[in-house]
Amino acid sequence: MERNAYIPAERQKKMMEYIELHTSAQIHELAQEFHVSEATVRRDLDELDQQGALHRTHGGAIKKDRSTSYEHMYSEKIGLMTEEKQRIAAAAAHMVSNGDTVIIDSGTTAYFIAQALAQHENLTLITNDLYIAYQTPIHPSSTLIVTGGTRRQGRQELVGTMAENFLRDTHVDIAFIGADGVDFTAGITNANFAEVGLKRLMLAAANRSVITVDHSKFGRVALARICDLSEGRLILTDSGIAEDTLNRLKKLSIPFELV
């Protein structure tokens, strides 16, 4: 039985304060903290997510980033929206045929995509992500190529002139590109300038390019624009996307696929 001392609005305010303090929180953790059922916590988090106060995840919530240049560390991102990223990765893998040449961008969604391609044969995989290069099993008939470049301080991706020159001389069947924000006005955006040039070159190098983003990226605007939504790239996302966002994508004829 719930021992809730707060009215819903007050409880939600306290939950927000808790999440702001701890950066993130799990459903069971909040249920214990506020002496309510997990179902009550889910309803509160869903309402706060709809209000734009936080980002809802499969098992809880994370605080909403305030800076357009804010980036989670890799170790943090790998545990966020994991189920959604894995569904996106499985769908991305179905777009790849044996023998294809594939660019895989840096990031945790990209990592799950690389893992999902492990059993494909005769692939040529190109990435600028060192974690993917070190941790991805590939079929014996496949080849994995690292772009080269300079490792970003405290990060796993390679950037810079060497990486960009490599991509300028590359042409592939399909590229999977990540992003930090998707907005109908600002377009597809990224939290740092260092990767933007690379992402644009990846898009240009592919016969088919796919923007792979979970639903929490919609409505967010990061520091630097990668491309416009209207440039015809397929957006691959999960079914947690808000109904009004989905309707607007349809109205604007922006190609997308839900998983």
Protein backbone atom coordinates (compact mmCIF):
# COMPACT_ATOMS: atom_id res chain seq x y z
CA MET A 1 0.00 0.00 0.00
CA GLU A 2 1.28 3.44 -0.92
CA ARG A 3 2.38 5.78 1.88
CA ASN A 4 2.44 8.87 -0.28
CA ALA A 5 2.56 12.15 1.66
CA TYR A 6 2.59 14.32 -1.45
CA ILE A 7 -0.11 15.45 -3.84
CA PRO A 8 0.85 14.47 -7.46
CA ALA A 9 2.19 17.92 -8.47
CA GLU A 10 4.33 18.18 -5.34
CA ARG A 11 5.57 14.60 -5.72
CA GLN A 12 6.57 15.25 -9.33
CA LYS A 13 8.44 18.38 -8.26
CA LYS A 14 10.33 16.36 -5.64
CA MET A 15 11.10 13.67 -8.24
CA MET A 16 12.52 16.31 -10.55
CA GLU A 17 14.72 17.64 -7.74
CA TYR A 18 15.93 14.10 -7.02
CA ILE A 19 16.76 13.45 -10.69
CA GLU A 20 18.49 16.82 -11.04
CA LEU A 21 20.65 15.98 -8.03
CA HIS A 22 21.50 12.43 -9.10
CA THR A 23 21.52 13.02 -12.92
CA SER A 24 19.32 9.94 -13.40
CA ALA A 25 17.07 7.59 -11.44
CA GLN A 26 15.50 4.17 -11.84
CA ILE A 27 11.78 3.48 -11.36
CA HIS A 28 12.29 1.15 -8.40
CA GLU A 29 14.64 3.69 -6.79
CA LEU A 30 12.03 6.46 -7.01
CA ALA A 31 9.29 4.14 -5.75
CA GLN A 32 11.32 3.44 -2.63
CA GLU A 33 12.31 7.08 -2.17
CA PHE A 34 8.74 8.41 -2.34
CA HIS A 35 6.90 5.38 -0.91
CA VAL A 36 4.67 4.86 -3.95
CA SER A 37 4.11 2.03 -6.40
CA GLU A 38 6.23 1.63 -9.52
CA ALA A 39 3.07 2.20 -11.59
CA THR A 40 2.67 5.62 -9.95
CA VAL A 41 6.30 6.46 -10.70
CA ARG A 42 5.84 5.49 -14.35
CA ARG A 43 2.81 7.77 -14.67
CA ASP A 44 4.69 10.66 -13.03
CA LEU A 45 7.72 10.21 -15.26
CA ASP A 46 5.58 9.94 -18.37
CA GLU A 47 3.86 13.22 -17.49
CA LEU A 48 7.18 14.95 -16.78
CA ASP A 49 8.58 13.63 -20.06
CA GLN A 50 5.58 14.97 -21.97
CA GLN A 51 6.12 18.34 -20.30
CA GLY A 52 9.73 18.32 -21.49
CA ALA A 53 11.06 18.38 -17.94
CA LEU A 54 13.20 15.25 -18.28
CA HIS A 55 14.10 12.44 -20.66
CA ARG A 56 12.27 9.16 -20.07
CA THR A 57 14.29 5.96 -20.41
CA HIS A 58 13.18 2.34 -20.40
CA GLY A 59 13.90 1.83 -16.70
CA GLY A 60 13.61 5.35 -15.35
CA ALA A 61 14.59 8.87 -16.39
CA ILE A 62 17.56 11.19 -16.87
CA LYS A 63 17.74 14.93 -16.39
CA LYS A 64 17.37 17.12 -19.43
CA ASP A 65 20.61 18.56 -20.74
CA ARG A 66 20.80 22.33 -20.53
CA SER A 67 23.84 23.08 -22.67
CA THR A 68 23.82 22.50 -26.42
CA SER A 69 27.43 21.30 -26.13
CA TYR A 70 26.82 18.86 -23.27
CA GLU A 71 27.99 15.29 -23.95
CA HIS A 72 27.55 12.26 -21.72
CA MET A 73 30.65 10.14 -21.26
CA TYR A 74 30.68 6.89 -23.24
CA SER A 75 30.34 4.86 -20.04
CA GLU A 76 27.16 6.81 -19.20
CA LYS A 77 25.63 6.69 -22.68
CA ILE A 78 26.04 2.93 -23.05
CA GLY A 79 23.50 2.43 -20.25
CA LEU A 80 20.93 4.95 -21.55
CA MET A 81 18.03 3.90 -23.79
CA THR A 82 19.70 0.50 -24.20
CA GLU A 83 16.61 -1.43 -25.28
CA GLU A 84 15.71 1.25 -27.85
CA LYS A 85 19.26 1.34 -29.23
CA GLN A 86 19.31 -2.44 -29.59
CA ARG A 87 16.04 -2.39 -31.53
CA ILE A 88 17.42 0.33 -33.80
CA ALA A 89 20.59 -1.72 -34.27
CA ALA A 90 18.65 -4.85 -35.24
CA ALA A 91 16.65 -2.87 -37.82
CA ALA A 92 19.85 -1.29 -39.17
CA ALA A 93 21.43 -4.72 -39.57
CA HIS A 94 18.46 -5.83 -41.71
CA MET A 95 19.27 -2.99 -44.13
CA VAL A 96 22.72 -4.48 -44.78
CA SER A 97 23.35 -7.33 -47.22
CA ASN A 98 26.31 -9.70 -47.26
CA GLY A 99 29.12 -8.12 -49.25
CA ASP A 100 28.15 -4.50 -48.51
CA THR A 101 30.52 -1.70 -47.65
CA VAL A 102 29.34 0.08 -44.50
CA ILE A 103 30.32 3.22 -42.58
CA ILE A 104 29.48 3.09 -38.88
CA ASP A 105 29.67 6.41 -37.05
CA SER A 106 30.98 6.74 -33.49
CA GLY A 107 28.71 6.41 -30.45
CA THR A 108 26.78 3.86 -28.47
CA THR A 109 23.96 3.31 -30.97
CA ALA A 110 26.70 2.76 -33.56
CA TYR A 111 28.31 0.25 -31.21
CA PHE A 112 25.10 -1.79 -31.04
CA ILE A 113 24.79 -1.62 -34.84
CA ALA A 114 28.32 -2.98 -35.24
CA GLN A 115 27.49 -5.82 -32.82
CA ALA A 116 24.33 -6.64 -34.79
CA LEU A 117 26.39 -7.06 -37.97
CA ALA A 118 28.71 -9.67 -36.46
CA GLN A 119 27.27 -12.58 -38.47
CA HIS A 120 27.06 -10.80 -41.83
CA GLU A 121 29.59 -12.11 -44.36
CA ASN A 122 32.07 -10.34 -46.65
CA LEU A 123 31.38 -6.90 -45.19
CA THR A 124 33.80 -4.00 -45.30
CA LEU A 125 33.15 -1.98 -42.14
CA ILE A 126 34.62 1.50 -41.74
CA THR A 127 34.50 3.39 -38.45
CA ASN A 128 36.22 6.21 -36.60
CA ASP A 129 35.22 4.74 -33.22
CA LEU A 130 38.06 3.00 -31.38
CA TYR A 131 35.69 1.24 -28.96
CA ILE A 132 33.84 -0.31 -31.90
CA ALA A 133 37.15 -1.28 -33.52
CA TYR A 134 38.38 -3.01 -30.35
CA GLN A 135 35.14 -4.57 -29.12
CA THR A 136 33.26 -5.66 -32.25
CA PRO A 137 33.44 -9.30 -33.36
CA ILE A 138 33.20 -9.65 -37.14
CA HIS A 139 32.75 -12.61 -39.48
CA PRO A 140 36.09 -14.11 -40.65
CA SER A 141 35.23 -13.11 -44.21
CA SER A 142 34.67 -9.46 -43.28
CA THR A 143 37.13 -6.57 -42.93
CA LEU A 144 37.09 -3.72 -40.42
CA ILE A 145 38.91 -0.49 -41.31
CA VAL A 146 39.64 2.37 -38.90
CA THR A 147 39.77 5.83 -40.48
CA GLY A 148 42.85 7.05 -38.66
CA GLY A 149 42.98 10.51 -37.16
CA THR A 150 43.43 12.11 -33.75
CA ARG A 151 41.59 10.77 -30.72
CA ARG A 152 39.39 13.34 -29.03
CA GLN A 153 40.52 14.05 -25.48
CA GLY A 154 38.71 11.73 -23.09
CA ARG A 155 36.69 10.15 -25.93
CA GLN A 156 36.86 7.07 -28.13
CA GLU A 157 36.39 8.62 -31.57
CA LEU A 158 39.00 9.73 -34.09
CA VAL A 159 38.66 13.17 -35.71
CA GLY A 160 40.75 15.63 -37.67
CA THR A 161 42.27 16.06 -41.12
CA MET A 162 43.53 12.48 -41.49
CA ALA A 163 40.08 11.03 -40.79
CA GLU A 164 38.39 13.56 -43.07
CA ASN A 165 40.81 12.89 -45.95
CA PHE A 166 40.19 9.17 -45.62
CA LEU A 167 36.43 9.67 -45.94
CA ARG A 168 36.79 12.03 -48.91
CA ASP A 169 38.36 9.14 -50.84
CA THR A 170 35.72 6.61 -49.74
CA HIS A 171 32.45 5.46 -51.28
CA VAL A 172 30.20 2.92 -49.55
CA ASP A 173 26.82 1.26 -49.92
CA ILE A 174 25.33 2.49 -46.65
CA ALA A 175 26.28 4.73 -43.71
CA PHE A 176 24.77 4.85 -40.23
CA ILE A 177 25.13 8.29 -38.62
CA GLY A 178 24.34 9.26 -35.04
CA ALA A 179 23.28 12.66 -33.69
CA ASP A 180 22.60 14.47 -30.42
CA GLY A 181 19.51 16.38 -31.51
CA VAL A 182 16.68 16.25 -34.05
CA ASP A 183 14.61 19.40 -34.45
CA PHE A 184 12.24 20.52 -37.20
CA THR A 185 13.86 23.98 -37.36
CA ALA A 186 17.50 23.34 -36.43
CA GLY A 187 17.73 19.99 -38.24
CA ILE A 188 20.08 17.15 -37.26
CA THR A 189 22.60 18.50 -34.76
CA ASN A 190 25.66 17.40 -32.82
CA ALA A 191 27.11 18.50 -29.48
CA ASN A 192 30.60 19.28 -30.84
CA PHE A 193 32.12 20.75 -33.99
CA ALA A 194 34.97 18.23 -34.16
CA GLU A 195 32.72 15.44 -35.43
CA VAL A 196 30.40 17.45 -37.67
CA GLY A 197 32.74 17.56 -40.67
CA LEU A 198 33.25 13.80 -40.41
CA LYS A 199 29.53 13.09 -40.19
CA ARG A 200 28.87 15.21 -43.29
CA LEU A 201 31.58 13.35 -45.19
CA MET A 202 30.09 10.03 -44.08
CA LEU A 203 26.72 11.12 -45.43
CA ALA A 204 28.29 12.20 -48.72
CA ALA A 205 30.25 8.96 -49.07
CA ALA A 206 27.21 6.65 -48.99
CA ASN A 207 24.72 5.52 -51.62
CA ARG A 208 22.24 5.33 -48.75
CA SER A 209 22.57 7.14 -45.43
CA VAL A 210 20.56 6.49 -42.27
CA ILE A 211 20.30 8.78 -39.24
CA THR A 212 20.07 6.48 -36.21
CA VAL A 213 18.60 8.21 -33.14
CA ASP A 214 16.45 7.05 -30.24
CA HIS A 215 13.28 9.00 -29.45
CA SER A 216 14.91 11.07 -26.66
CA LYS A 217 16.88 13.01 -29.30
CA PHE A 218 13.75 14.56 -30.84
CA GLY A 219 13.02 18.12 -29.81
CA ARG A 220 16.61 18.67 -28.74
CA VAL A 221 18.99 21.12 -30.40
CA ALA A 222 22.73 20.58 -30.02
CA LEU A 223 25.59 22.92 -30.83
CA ALA A 224 26.39 22.25 -34.49
CA ARG A 225 24.18 21.40 -37.48
CA ILE A 226 24.97 18.24 -39.42
CA CYS A 227 22.21 18.51 -42.03
CA ASP A 228 18.58 19.50 -42.54
CA LEU A 229 15.72 17.08 -41.98
CA SER A 230 14.56 17.79 -45.52
CA GLU A 231 17.70 16.40 -47.18
CA GLY A 232 16.11 12.99 -47.75
CA ARG A 233 18.06 10.84 -45.29
CA LEU A 234 16.12 8.05 -43.62
CA ILE A 235 15.62 8.57 -39.88
CA LEU A 236 15.64 5.27 -38.00
CA THR A 237 14.20 5.63 -34.50
CA ASP A 238 12.16 3.75 -31.91
CA SER A 239 8.43 3.66 -31.30
CA GLY A 240 8.70 5.82 -28.15
CA ILE A 241 8.57 8.91 -30.35
CA ALA A 242 5.80 11.37 -29.42
CA GLU A 243 2.61 11.23 -31.49
CA ASP A 244 2.77 14.90 -32.51
CA THR A 245 6.36 14.47 -33.69
CA LEU A 246 5.37 11.41 -35.68
CA ASN A 247 2.51 13.27 -37.31
CA ARG A 248 4.75 16.16 -38.24
CA LEU A 249 7.31 13.84 -39.84
CA LYS A 250 4.50 12.38 -41.95
CA LYS A 251 3.13 15.81 -42.87
CA LEU A 252 6.56 17.02 -44.02
CA SER A 253 7.20 13.75 -45.94
CA ILE A 254 10.43 13.15 -44.04
CA PRO A 255 11.43 9.49 -44.53
CA PHE A 256 11.52 7.56 -41.27
CA GLU A 257 11.21 4.05 -39.89
CA LEU A 258 10.03 3.06 -36.42
CA VAL A 259 11.15 -0.04 -34.51
